[in-house]
Structure formats: structure tokens, C-alpha cells
Amino acid sequence: MIERRAMKRIQINRAARLSFGEIPGTHPCLVRDISALGACISTPYYIFADEFALSFDGHSGIFICRAVWRKATLCGVCFLLRRRSPKLANDPANPQTWGDEASA
């Protein structure tokens, strides 16, 4: 079989939780392997959602995922970067301190 991944994945077989925006609570899964770009997860159910959150250790780190492929209870995901809207430099709701300039 030809390897098509951009980065090699590391097998970790680690328990994690999934969160779906429209379904309350978290749901168990097993992360079989992982890289900086994505992962393969196994669940006791078929994942219908296209995007969801993956977390380890009680939400200390959250990865936003997009399903790339599905096969029964396995799902390959890529990690997404969520960008925040930019803050204006002179926004009074976001004061910045620049050393002595803030007190001037």
C-alpha cells in the first residue's frame, strides 16, 4: 500500500473525548495514531459530523477536527486552525501596556 500522508503518524492508542456542537456532552473515542496534521480515531459509533472537537485530559487541549475519511467506526481527521477576529490596536476594550508608555 502506498503511504499518502504528508507526515508520519505515531501510534498512541489513547483515550479521548469528542464534542459535537449540536449534541450535548462529550463522547468517548480512542485516538489510534496522531501527527501534527491529523489523527485516526476509533469510536463505538459511526461519526456523521463533518467537524467536531477532540480533547485529551479533560479539555486541557482541544483540537478542532474535520473528517477526511470514514470506514465503519474508524475516522481519519485533519486538524483545523481557528483564527480569531483581529483586535484593533486602539480598541479601548483591549488595553495594551507598553512599558512606561502605559503610564504616560
PDB file of N, CA and C in Angstrom:
ATOM      1  N   MET A   1       0.839  -1.183   0.000  1.00  0.00           N
ATOM      2  CA  MET A   1       0.000   0.000   0.000  1.00  0.00           C
ATOM      3  C   MET A   1       0.887   1.251   0.000  1.00  0.00           C
ATOM      4  N   ILE A   2       0.515   2.239  -0.759  1.00  0.00           N
ATOM      5  CA  ILE A   2       1.277   3.478  -0.873  1.00  0.00           C
ATOM      6  C   ILE A   2       0.859   4.442   0.240  1.00  0.00           C
ATOM      7  N   GLU A   3       1.850   4.966   0.956  1.00  0.00           N
ATOM      8  CA  GLU A   3       1.591   5.942   2.024  1.00  0.00           C
ATOM      9  C   GLU A   3       1.337   7.308   1.401  1.00  0.00           C
ATOM     10  N   ARG A   4       0.157   7.899   1.653  1.00  0.00           N
ATOM     11  CA  ARG A   4      -0.197   9.187   1.066  1.00  0.00           C
ATOM     12  C   ARG A   4      -0.155  10.335   2.061  1.00  0.00           C
ATOM     13  N   ARG A   5       0.145  10.058   3.312  1.00  0.00           N
ATOM     14  CA  ARG A   5       0.162  11.113   4.321  1.00  0.00           C
ATOM     15  C   ARG A   5       1.381  12.009   4.144  1.00  0.00           C
ATOM     16  N   ALA A   6       1.197  13.289   4.459  1.00  0.00           N
ATOM     17  CA  ALA A   6       2.297  14.254   4.374  1.00  0.00           C
ATOM     18  C   ALA A   6       3.305  14.043   5.508  1.00  0.00           C
ATOM     19  N   MET A   7       2.822  13.605   6.671  1.00  0.00           N
ATOM     20  CA  MET A   7       3.689  13.383   7.834  1.00  0.00           C
ATOM     21  C   MET A   7       3.425  11.997   8.402  1.00  0.00           C
ATOM     22  N   LYS A   8       4.469  11.385   8.939  1.00  0.00           N
ATOM     23  CA  LYS A   8       4.327  10.083   9.571  1.00  0.00           C
ATOM     24  C   LYS A   8       3.517  10.214  10.856  1.00  0.00           C
ATOM     25  N   ARG A   9       2.619   9.279  11.080  1.00  0.00           N
ATOM     26  CA  ARG A   9       1.828   9.290  12.305  1.00  0.00           C
ATOM     27  C   ARG A   9       2.451   8.392  13.357  1.00  0.00           C
ATOM     28  N   ILE A  10       2.218   8.746  14.613  1.00  0.00           N
ATOM     29  CA  ILE A  10       2.732   7.998  15.752  1.00  0.00           C
ATOM     30  C   ILE A  10       1.566   7.264  16.402  1.00  0.00           C
ATOM     31  N   GLN A  11       1.697   5.952  16.587  1.00  0.00           N
ATOM     32  CA  GLN A  11       0.641   5.187  17.248  1.00  0.00           C
ATOM     33  C   GLN A  11       0.644   5.517  18.730  1.00  0.00           C
ATOM     34  N   ILE A  12      -0.548   5.936  19.244  1.00  0.00           N
ATOM     35  CA  ILE A  12      -0.628   6.257  20.673  1.00  0.00           C
ATOM     36  C   ILE A  12      -1.712   5.481  21.404  1.00  0.00           C
ATOM     37  N   ASN A  13      -2.770   5.042  20.721  1.00  0.00           N
ATOM     38  CA  ASN A  13      -3.875   4.300  21.340  1.00  0.00           C
ATOM     39  C   ASN A  13      -4.268   4.896  22.687  1.00  0.00           C
ATOM     40  N   ARG A  14      -4.702   6.143  22.651  1.00  0.00           N
ATOM     41  CA  ARG A  14      -5.008   6.898  23.864  1.00  0.00           C
ATOM     42  C   ARG A  14      -6.478   7.314  23.904  1.00  0.00           C
ATOM     43  N   ALA A  15      -7.097   7.178  25.066  1.00  0.00           N
ATOM     44  CA  ALA A  15      -8.489   7.575  25.237  1.00  0.00           C
ATOM     45  C   ALA A  15      -8.633   9.089  25.135  1.00  0.00           C
ATOM     46  N   ALA A  16      -9.718   9.518  24.523  1.00  0.00           N
ATOM     47  CA  ALA A  16     -10.001  10.942  24.371  1.00  0.00           C
ATOM     48  C   ALA A  16     -11.516  11.124  24.344  1.00  0.00           C
ATOM     49  N   ARG A  17     -11.949  12.372  24.194  1.00  0.00           N
ATOM     50  CA  ARG A  17     -13.382  12.692  24.170  1.00  0.00           C
ATOM     51  C   ARG A  17     -13.678  13.544  22.935  1.00  0.00           C
ATOM     52  N   LEU A  18     -14.855  13.350  22.368  1.00  0.00           N
ATOM     53  CA  LEU A  18     -15.321  14.142  21.237  1.00  0.00           C
ATOM     54  C   LEU A  18     -16.471  15.022  21.679  1.00  0.00           C
ATOM     55  N   SER A  19     -16.524  16.225  21.136  1.00  0.00           N
ATOM     56  CA  SER A  19     -17.635  17.148  21.392  1.00  0.00           C
ATOM     57  C   SER A  19     -18.206  17.572  20.049  1.00  0.00           C
ATOM     58  N   PHE A  20     -19.512  17.455  19.932  1.00  0.00           N
ATOM     59  CA  PHE A  20     -20.214  17.869  18.730  1.00  0.00           C
ATOM     60  C   PHE A  20     -21.085  19.058  19.084  1.00  0.00           C
ATOM     61  N   GLY A  21     -21.060  20.094  18.286  1.00  0.00           N
ATOM     62  CA  GLY A  21     -21.785  21.319  18.595  1.00  0.00           C
ATOM     63  C   GLY A  21     -23.261  21.120  18.855  1.00  0.00           C
ATOM     64  N   GLU A  22     -23.906  20.243  18.080  1.00  0.00           N
ATOM     65  CA  GLU A  22     -25.349  20.074  18.195  1.00  0.00           C
ATOM     66  C   GLU A  22     -25.767  18.986  19.183  1.00  0.00           C
ATOM     67  N   ILE A  23     -24.815  18.214  19.696  1.00  0.00           N
ATOM     68  CA  ILE A  23     -25.119  17.139  20.634  1.00  0.00           C
ATOM     69  C   ILE A  23     -24.493  17.483  21.981  1.00  0.00           C
ATOM     70  N   PRO A  24     -25.293  17.558  23.045  1.00  0.00           N
ATOM     71  CA  PRO A  24     -24.738  17.920  24.356  1.00  0.00           C
ATOM     72  C   PRO A  24     -23.809  16.842  24.914  1.00  0.00           C
ATOM     73  N   GLY A  25     -22.855  17.274  25.730  1.00  0.00           N
ATOM     74  CA  GLY A  25     -21.949  16.358  26.404  1.00  0.00           C
ATOM     75  C   GLY A  25     -20.742  15.984  25.563  1.00  0.00           C
ATOM     76  N   THR A  26     -19.931  15.077  26.109  1.00  0.00           N
ATOM     77  CA  THR A  26     -18.770  14.569  25.396  1.00  0.00           C
ATOM     78  C   THR A  26     -18.950  13.080  25.172  1.00  0.00           C
ATOM     79  N   HIS A  27     -18.229  12.553  24.200  1.00  0.00           N
ATOM     80  CA  HIS A  27     -18.419  11.169  23.792  1.00  0.00           C
ATOM     81  C   HIS A  27     -17.052  10.497  23.682  1.00  0.00           C
ATOM     82  N   PRO A  28     -16.941   9.239  24.147  1.00  0.00           N
ATOM     83  CA  PRO A  28     -15.639   8.569  24.192  1.00  0.00           C
ATOM     84  C   PRO A  28     -15.124   8.186  22.807  1.00  0.00           C
ATOM     85  N   CYS A  29     -13.794   8.175  22.687  1.00  0.00           N
ATOM     86  CA  CYS A  29     -13.152   7.680  21.483  1.00  0.00           C
ATOM     87  C   CYS A  29     -11.747   7.221  21.846  1.00  0.00           C
ATOM     88  N   LEU A  30     -11.084   6.596  20.899  1.00  0.00           N
ATOM     89  CA  LEU A  30      -9.705   6.162  21.063  1.00  0.00           C
ATOM     90  C   LEU A  30      -8.910   6.741  19.901  1.00  0.00           C
ATOM     91  N   VAL A  31      -7.872   7.505  20.228  1.00  0.00           N
ATOM     92  CA  VAL A  31      -7.001   8.040  19.186  1.00  0.00           C
ATOM     93  C   VAL A  31      -5.959   6.964  18.914  1.00  0.00           C
ATOM     94  N   ARG A  32      -6.034   6.363  17.737  1.00  0.00           N
ATOM     95  CA  ARG A  32      -5.130   5.263  17.390  1.00  0.00           C
ATOM     96  C   ARG A  32      -3.749   5.770  16.998  1.00  0.00           C
ATOM     97  N   ASP A  33      -3.723   6.803  16.143  1.00  0.00           N
ATOM     98  CA  ASP A  33      -2.456   7.401  15.765  1.00  0.00           C
ATOM     99  C   ASP A  33      -2.653   8.883  15.524  1.00  0.00           C
ATOM    100  N   ILE A  34      -1.537   9.632  15.560  1.00  0.00           N
ATOM    101  CA  ILE A  34      -1.635  11.086  15.500  1.00  0.00           C
ATOM    102  C   ILE A  34      -0.373  11.667  14.859  1.00  0.00           C
ATOM    103  N   SER A  35      -0.533  12.818  14.220  1.00  0.00           N
ATOM    104  CA  SER A  35       0.595  13.609  13.720  1.00  0.00           C
ATOM    105  C   SER A  35       0.243  15.068  13.958  1.00  0.00           C
ATOM    106  N   ALA A  36       1.090  15.952  13.533  1.00  0.00           N
ATOM    107  CA  ALA A  36       0.806  17.384  13.690  1.00  0.00           C
ATOM    108  C   ALA A  36      -0.356  17.825  12.806  1.00  0.00           C
ATOM    109  N   LEU A  37      -0.672  17.056  11.785  1.00  0.00           N
ATOM    110  CA  LEU A  37      -1.715  17.445  10.844  1.00  0.00           C
ATOM    111  C   LEU A  37      -3.043  16.730  11.029  1.00  0.00           C
ATOM    112  N   GLY A  38      -3.053  15.573  11.693  1.00  0.00           N
ATOM    113  CA  GLY A  38      -4.299  14.840  11.827  1.00  0.00           C
ATOM    114  C   GLY A  38      -4.159  13.607  12.680  1.00  0.00           C
ATOM    115  N   ALA A  39      -5.221  12.784  12.668  1.00  0.00           N
ATOM    116  CA  ALA A  39      -5.250  11.589  13.509  1.00  0.00           C
ATOM    117  C   ALA A  39      -6.230  10.576  12.948  1.00  0.00           C
ATOM    118  N   CYS A  40      -6.121   9.363  13.450  1.00  0.00           N
ATOM    119  CA  CYS A  40      -7.112   8.325  13.177  1.00  0.00           C
ATOM    120  C   CYS A  40      -7.781   8.014  14.504  1.00  0.00           C
ATOM    121  N   ILE A  41      -9.105   8.106  14.539  1.00  0.00           N
ATOM    122  CA  ILE A  41      -9.829   7.841  15.780  1.00  0.00           C
ATOM    123  C   ILE A  41     -10.795   6.681  15.584  1.00  0.00           C
ATOM    124  N   SER A  42     -11.039   5.988  16.667  1.00  0.00           N
ATOM    125  CA  SER A  42     -11.959   4.861  16.690  1.00  0.00           C
ATOM    126  C   SER A  42     -13.038   5.166  17.720  1.00  0.00           C
ATOM    127  N   THR A  43     -14.282   4.900  17.366  1.00  0.00           N
ATOM    128  CA  THR A  43     -15.404   5.163  18.261  1.00  0.00           C
ATOM    129  C   THR A  43     -16.327   3.950  18.293  1.00  0.00           C
ATOM    130  N   PRO A  44     -17.190   3.839  19.284  1.00  0.00           N
ATOM    131  CA  PRO A  44     -18.164   2.749  19.300  1.00  0.00           C
ATOM    132  C   PRO A  44     -19.377   3.042  18.401  1.00  0.00           C
ATOM    133  N   TYR A  45     -19.315   4.108  17.610  1.00  0.00           N
ATOM    134  CA  TYR A  45     -20.425   4.542  16.756  1.00  0.00           C
ATOM    135  C   TYR A  45     -19.866   5.168  15.484  1.00  0.00           C
ATOM    136  N   TYR A  46     -20.693   5.312  14.487  1.00  0.00           N
ATOM    137  CA  TYR A  46     -20.310   5.974  13.243  1.00  0.00           C
ATOM    138  C   TYR A  46     -20.389   7.483  13.450  1.00  0.00           C
ATOM    139  N   ILE A  47     -19.380   8.215  13.036  1.00  0.00           N
ATOM    140  CA  ILE A  47     -19.365   9.678  13.188  1.00  0.00           C
ATOM    141  C   ILE A  47     -19.960  10.312  11.941  1.00  0.00           C
ATOM    142  N   PHE A  48     -21.100  10.968  12.097  1.00  0.00           N
ATOM    143  CA  PHE A  48     -21.765  11.627  10.973  1.00  0.00           C
ATOM    144  C   PHE A  48     -21.299  13.071  10.794  1.00  0.00           C
ATOM    145  N   ALA A  49     -20.855  13.711  11.865  1.00  0.00           N
ATOM    146  CA  ALA A  49     -20.485  15.134  11.814  1.00  0.00           C
ATOM    147  C   ALA A  49     -19.252  15.342  10.938  1.00  0.00           C
ATOM    148  N   ASP A  50     -19.223  16.478  10.245  1.00  0.00           N
ATOM    149  CA  ASP A  50     -18.062  16.833   9.431  1.00  0.00           C
ATOM    150  C   ASP A  50     -16.976  17.509  10.263  1.00  0.00           C
ATOM    151  N   GLU A  51     -17.378  18.287  11.284  1.00  0.00           N
ATOM    152  CA  GLU A  51     -16.425  18.967  12.163  1.00  0.00           C
ATOM    153  C   GLU A  51     -16.818  18.739  13.613  1.00  0.00           C
ATOM    154  N   PHE A  52     -15.807  18.584  14.460  1.00  0.00           N
ATOM    155  CA  PHE A  52     -16.033  18.348  15.885  1.00  0.00           C
ATOM    156  C   PHE A  52     -14.752  18.648  16.642  1.00  0.00           C
ATOM    157  N   ALA A  53     -14.849  18.636  17.962  1.00  0.00           N
ATOM    158  CA  ALA A  53     -13.688  18.911  18.821  1.00  0.00           C
ATOM    159  C   ALA A  53     -13.201  17.607  19.437  1.00  0.00           C
ATOM    160  N   LEU A  54     -11.883  17.448  19.477  1.00  0.00           N
ATOM    161  CA  LEU A  54     -11.230  16.296  20.081  1.00  0.00           C
ATOM    162  C   LEU A  54     -10.424  16.799  21.264  1.00  0.00           C
ATOM    163  N   SER A  55     -10.588  16.167  22.440  1.00  0.00           N
ATOM    164  CA  SER A  55      -9.852  16.634  23.611  1.00  0.00           C
ATOM    165  C   SER A  55      -9.258  15.468  24.389  1.00  0.00           C
ATOM    166  N   PHE A  56      -8.117  15.751  24.989  1.00  0.00           N
ATOM    167  CA  PHE A  56      -7.437  14.821  25.893  1.00  0.00           C
ATOM    168  C   PHE A  56      -7.476  15.434  27.290  1.00  0.00           C
ATOM    169  N   ASP A  57      -7.358  14.634  28.305  1.00  0.00           N
ATOM    170  CA  ASP A  57      -7.180  15.110  29.686  1.00  0.00           C
ATOM    171  C   ASP A  57      -8.193  16.159  30.117  1.00  0.00           C
ATOM    172  N   GLY A  58      -9.451  15.909  29.910  1.00  0.00           N
ATOM    173  CA  GLY A  58     -10.482  16.813  30.399  1.00  0.00           C
ATOM    174  C   GLY A  58     -10.443  18.201  29.800  1.00  0.00           C
ATOM    175  N   HIS A  59     -10.278  18.292  28.528  1.00  0.00           N
ATOM    176  CA  HIS A  59     -10.321  19.554  27.781  1.00  0.00           C
ATOM    177  C   HIS A  59      -9.135  20.473  28.042  1.00  0.00           C
ATOM    178  N   SER A  60      -8.003  19.934  28.495  1.00  0.00           N
ATOM    179  CA  SER A  60      -6.833  20.803  28.674  1.00  0.00           C
ATOM    180  C   SER A  60      -6.252  21.211  27.322  1.00  0.00           C
ATOM    181  N   GLY A  61      -6.458  20.396  26.314  1.00  0.00           N
ATOM    182  CA  GLY A  61      -6.054  20.732  24.955  1.00  0.00           C
ATOM    183  C   GLY A  61      -7.142  20.295  24.009  1.00  0.00           C
ATOM    184  N   ILE A  62      -7.597  21.180  23.174  1.00  0.00           N
ATOM    185  CA  ILE A  62      -8.686  20.867  22.256  1.00  0.00           C
ATOM    186  C   ILE A  62      -8.207  21.039  20.825  1.00  0.00           C
ATOM    187  N   PHE A  63      -8.482  20.040  19.994  1.00  0.00           N
ATOM    188  CA  PHE A  63      -8.199  20.091  18.569  1.00  0.00           C
ATOM    189  C   PHE A  63      -9.522  20.173  17.822  1.00  0.00           C
ATOM    190  N   ILE A  64      -9.670  21.141  16.947  1.00  0.00           N
ATOM    191  CA  ILE A  64     -10.838  21.198  16.082  1.00  0.00           C
ATOM    192  C   ILE A  64     -10.522  20.328  14.875  1.00  0.00           C
ATOM    193  N   CYS A  65     -11.402  19.374  14.578  1.00  0.00           N
ATOM    194  CA  CYS A  65     -11.142  18.373  13.552  1.00  0.00           C
ATOM    195  C   CYS A  65     -12.164  18.435  12.426  1.00  0.00           C
ATOM    196  N   ARG A  66     -11.707  18.057  11.241  1.00  0.00           N
ATOM    197  CA  ARG A  66     -12.605  17.854  10.094  1.00  0.00           C
ATOM    198  C   ARG A  66     -12.404  16.422   9.620  1.00  0.00           C
ATOM    199  N   ALA A  67     -13.511  15.691   9.467  1.00  0.00           N
ATOM    200  CA  ALA A  67     -13.439  14.312   8.996  1.00  0.00           C
ATOM    201  C   ALA A  67     -12.963  14.294   7.545  1.00  0.00           C
ATOM    202  N   VAL A  68     -11.958  13.464   7.276  1.00  0.00           N
ATOM    203  CA  VAL A  68     -11.408  13.329   5.933  1.00  0.00           C
ATOM    204  C   VAL A  68     -11.895  12.028   5.305  1.00  0.00           C
ATOM    205  N   TRP A  69     -11.958  10.980   6.104  1.00  0.00           N
ATOM    206  CA  TRP A  69     -12.488   9.707   5.642  1.00  0.00           C
ATOM    207  C   TRP A  69     -13.156   8.983   6.798  1.00  0.00           C
ATOM    208  N   ARG A  70     -14.064   8.075   6.459  1.00  0.00           N
ATOM    209  CA  ARG A  70     -14.778   7.274   7.450  1.00  0.00           C
ATOM    210  C   ARG A  70     -14.874   5.842   6.936  1.00  0.00           C
ATOM    211  N   LYS A  71     -14.700   4.895   7.830  1.00  0.00           N
ATOM    212  CA  LYS A  71     -14.891   3.487   7.497  1.00  0.00           C
ATOM    213  C   LYS A  71     -15.411   2.794   8.745  1.00  0.00           C
ATOM    214  N   ALA A  72     -16.691   2.513   8.734  1.00  0.00           N
ATOM    215  CA  ALA A  72     -17.379   1.921   9.893  1.00  0.00           C
ATOM    216  C   ALA A  72     -17.155   2.804  11.123  1.00  0.00           C
ATOM    217  N   THR A  73     -16.461   2.310  12.143  1.00  0.00           N
ATOM    218  CA  THR A  73     -16.259   3.093  13.369  1.00  0.00           C
ATOM    219  C   THR A  73     -14.879   3.761  13.428  1.00  0.00           C
ATOM    220  N   LEU A  74     -14.150   3.762  12.316  1.00  0.00           N
ATOM    221  CA  LEU A  74     -12.881   4.488  12.216  1.00  0.00           C
ATOM    222  C   LEU A  74     -13.106   5.787  11.461  1.00  0.00           C
ATOM    223  N   CYS A  75     -12.341   6.806  11.830  1.00  0.00           N
ATOM    224  CA  CYS A  75     -12.472   8.104  11.171  1.00  0.00           C
ATOM    225  C   CYS A  75     -11.100   8.764  11.111  1.00  0.00           C
ATOM    226  N   GLY A  76     -10.710   9.192   9.926  1.00  0.00           N
ATOM    227  CA  GLY A  76      -9.479   9.947   9.769  1.00  0.00           C
ATOM    228  C   GLY A  76      -9.813  11.424   9.775  1.00  0.00           C
ATOM    229  N   VAL A  77      -9.074  12.206  10.539  1.00  0.00           N
ATOM    230  CA  VAL A  77      -9.361  13.639  10.661  1.00  0.00           C
ATOM    231  C   VAL A  77      -8.121  14.464  10.370  1.00  0.00           C
ATOM    232  N   CYS A  78      -8.348  15.688   9.913  1.00  0.00           N
ATOM    233  CA  CYS A  78      -7.272  16.669   9.835  1.00  0.00           C
ATOM    234  C   CYS A  78      -7.582  17.739  10.870  1.00  0.00           C
ATOM    235  N   PHE A  79      -6.554  18.314  11.435  1.00  0.00           N
ATOM    236  CA  PHE A  79      -6.720  19.364  12.438  1.00  0.00           C
ATOM    237  C   PHE A  79      -6.873  20.709  11.747  1.00  0.00           C
ATOM    238  N   LEU A  80      -7.811  21.505  12.244  1.00  0.00           N
ATOM    239  CA  LEU A  80      -8.075  22.832  11.697  1.00  0.00           C
ATOM    240  C   LEU A  80      -7.543  23.891  12.635  1.00  0.00           C
ATOM    241  N   LEU A  81      -7.138  24.998  12.087  1.00  0.00           N
ATOM    242  CA  LEU A  81      -6.741  26.157  12.882  1.00  0.00           C
ATOM    243  C   LEU A  81      -7.894  27.134  12.867  1.00  0.00           C
ATOM    244  N   ARG A  82      -8.329  27.531  14.018  1.00  0.00           N
ATOM    245  CA  ARG A  82      -9.385  28.535  14.123  1.00  0.00           C
ATOM    246  C   ARG A  82      -8.735  29.871  14.349  1.00  0.00           C
ATOM    247  N   ARG A  83      -9.054  30.836  13.536  1.00  0.00           N
ATOM    248  CA  ARG A  83      -8.477  32.170  13.665  1.00  0.00           C
ATOM    249  C   ARG A  83      -9.456  33.074  14.396  1.00  0.00           C
ATOM    250  N   ARG A  84      -8.917  33.884  15.284  1.00  0.00           N
ATOM    251  CA  ARG A  84      -9.743  34.864  15.994  1.00  0.00           C
ATOM    252  C   ARG A  84      -9.834  36.126  15.161  1.00  0.00           C
ATOM    253  N   SER A  85     -10.915  36.872  15.347  1.00  0.00           N
ATOM    254  CA  SER A  85     -11.014  38.136  14.634  1.00  0.00           C
ATOM    255  C   SER A  85      -9.969  39.092  15.205  1.00  0.00           C
ATOM    256  N   PRO A  86      -9.328  39.878  14.342  1.00  0.00           N
ATOM    257  CA  PRO A  86      -8.262  40.762  14.832  1.00  0.00           C
ATOM    258  C   PRO A  86      -8.791  41.863  15.738  1.00  0.00           C
ATOM    259  N   LYS A  87      -8.004  42.233  16.721  1.00  0.00           N
ATOM    260  CA  LYS A  87      -8.335  43.342  17.625  1.00  0.00           C
ATOM    261  C   LYS A  87      -7.632  44.596  17.121  1.00  0.00           C
ATOM    262  N   LEU A  88      -8.321  45.690  17.179  1.00  0.00           N
ATOM    263  CA  LEU A  88      -7.714  46.949  16.785  1.00  0.00           C
ATOM    264  C   LEU A  88      -6.718  47.391  17.850  1.00  0.00           C
ATOM    265  N   ALA A  89      -5.631  47.995  17.420  1.00  0.00           N
ATOM    266  CA  ALA A  89      -4.593  48.436  18.348  1.00  0.00           C
ATOM    267  C   ALA A  89      -5.113  49.489  19.320  1.00  0.00           C
ATOM    268  N   ASN A  90      -6.055  50.329  18.883  1.00  0.00           N
ATOM    269  CA  ASN A  90      -6.577  51.389  19.740  1.00  0.00           C
ATOM    270  C   ASN A  90      -7.946  51.038  20.326  1.00  0.00           C
ATOM    271  N   ASP A  91      -8.269  49.760  20.410  1.00  0.00           N
ATOM    272  CA  ASP A  91      -9.543  49.307  20.959  1.00  0.00           C
ATOM    273  C   ASP A  91      -9.552  49.526  22.472  1.00  0.00           C
ATOM    274  N   PRO A  92     -10.461  50.375  23.008  1.00  0.00           N
ATOM    275  CA  PRO A  92     -10.483  50.624  24.457  1.00  0.00           C
ATOM    276  C   PRO A  92     -10.859  49.382  25.268  1.00  0.00           C
ATOM    277  N   ALA A  93     -11.514  48.414  24.642  1.00  0.00           N
ATOM    278  CA  ALA A  93     -11.869  47.186  25.348  1.00  0.00           C
ATOM    279  C   ALA A  93     -10.674  46.247  25.474  1.00  0.00           C
ATOM    280  N   ASN A  94      -9.589  46.539  24.771  1.00  0.00           N
ATOM    281  CA  ASN A  94      -8.397  45.701  24.796  1.00  0.00           C
ATOM    282  C   ASN A  94      -7.168  46.561  25.074  1.00  0.00           C
ATOM    283  N   PRO A  95      -7.046  47.123  26.296  1.00  0.00           N
ATOM    284  CA  PRO A  95      -5.894  47.984  26.576  1.00  0.00           C
ATOM    285  C   PRO A  95      -4.604  47.189  26.573  1.00  0.00           C
ATOM    286  N   GLN A  96      -3.571  47.778  26.023  1.00  0.00           N
ATOM    287  CA  GLN A  96      -2.255  47.141  25.994  1.00  0.00           C
ATOM    288  C   GLN A  96      -1.284  47.996  26.768  1.00  0.00           C
ATOM    289  N   THR A  97      -0.415  47.345  27.490  1.00  0.00           N
ATOM    290  CA  THR A  97       0.607  48.083  28.217  1.00  0.00           C
ATOM    291  C   THR A  97       1.914  47.916  27.502  1.00  0.00           C
ATOM    292  N   TRP A  98       2.606  48.999  27.276  1.00  0.00           N
ATOM    293  CA  TRP A  98       3.883  49.001  26.576  1.00  0.00           C
ATOM    294  C   TRP A  98       4.934  49.639  27.476  1.00  0.00           C
ATOM    295  N   GLY A  99       5.210  49.008  28.574  1.00  0.00           N
ATOM    296  CA  GLY A  99       6.219  49.524  29.496  1.00  0.00           C
ATOM    297  C   GLY A  99       5.804  50.859  30.107  1.00  0.00           C
ATOM    298  N   ASP A 100       6.652  51.874  30.019  1.00  0.00           N
ATOM    299  CA  ASP A 100       6.384  53.174  30.609  1.00  0.00           C
ATOM    300  C   ASP A 100       5.375  53.982  29.815  1.00  0.00           C
ATOM    301  N   GLU A 101       5.126  53.620  28.549  1.00  0.00           N
ATOM    302  CA  GLU A 101       4.173  54.366  27.734  1.00  0.00           C
ATOM    303  C   GLU A 101       2.766  54.278  28.290  1.00  0.00           C
ATOM    304  N   ALA A 102       2.416  53.173  28.968  1.00  0.00           N
ATOM    305  CA  ALA A 102       1.068  52.993  29.505  1.00  0.00           C
ATOM    306  C   ALA A 102       0.782  53.977  30.615  1.00  0.00           C
ATOM    307  N   SER A 103       1.804  54.384  31.360  1.00  0.00           N
ATOM    308  CA  SER A 103       1.584  55.311  32.468  1.00  0.00           C
ATOM    309  C   SER A 103       1.756  56.746  32.061  1.00  0.00           C
ATOM    310  N   ALA A 104       2.178  56.985  30.821  1.00  0.00           N
ATOM    311  CA  ALA A 104       2.407  58.369  30.361  1.00  0.00           C
ATOM    312  C   ALA A 104       1.129  59.069  29.982  1.00  0.00           C
TER     313      ALA A 104
END
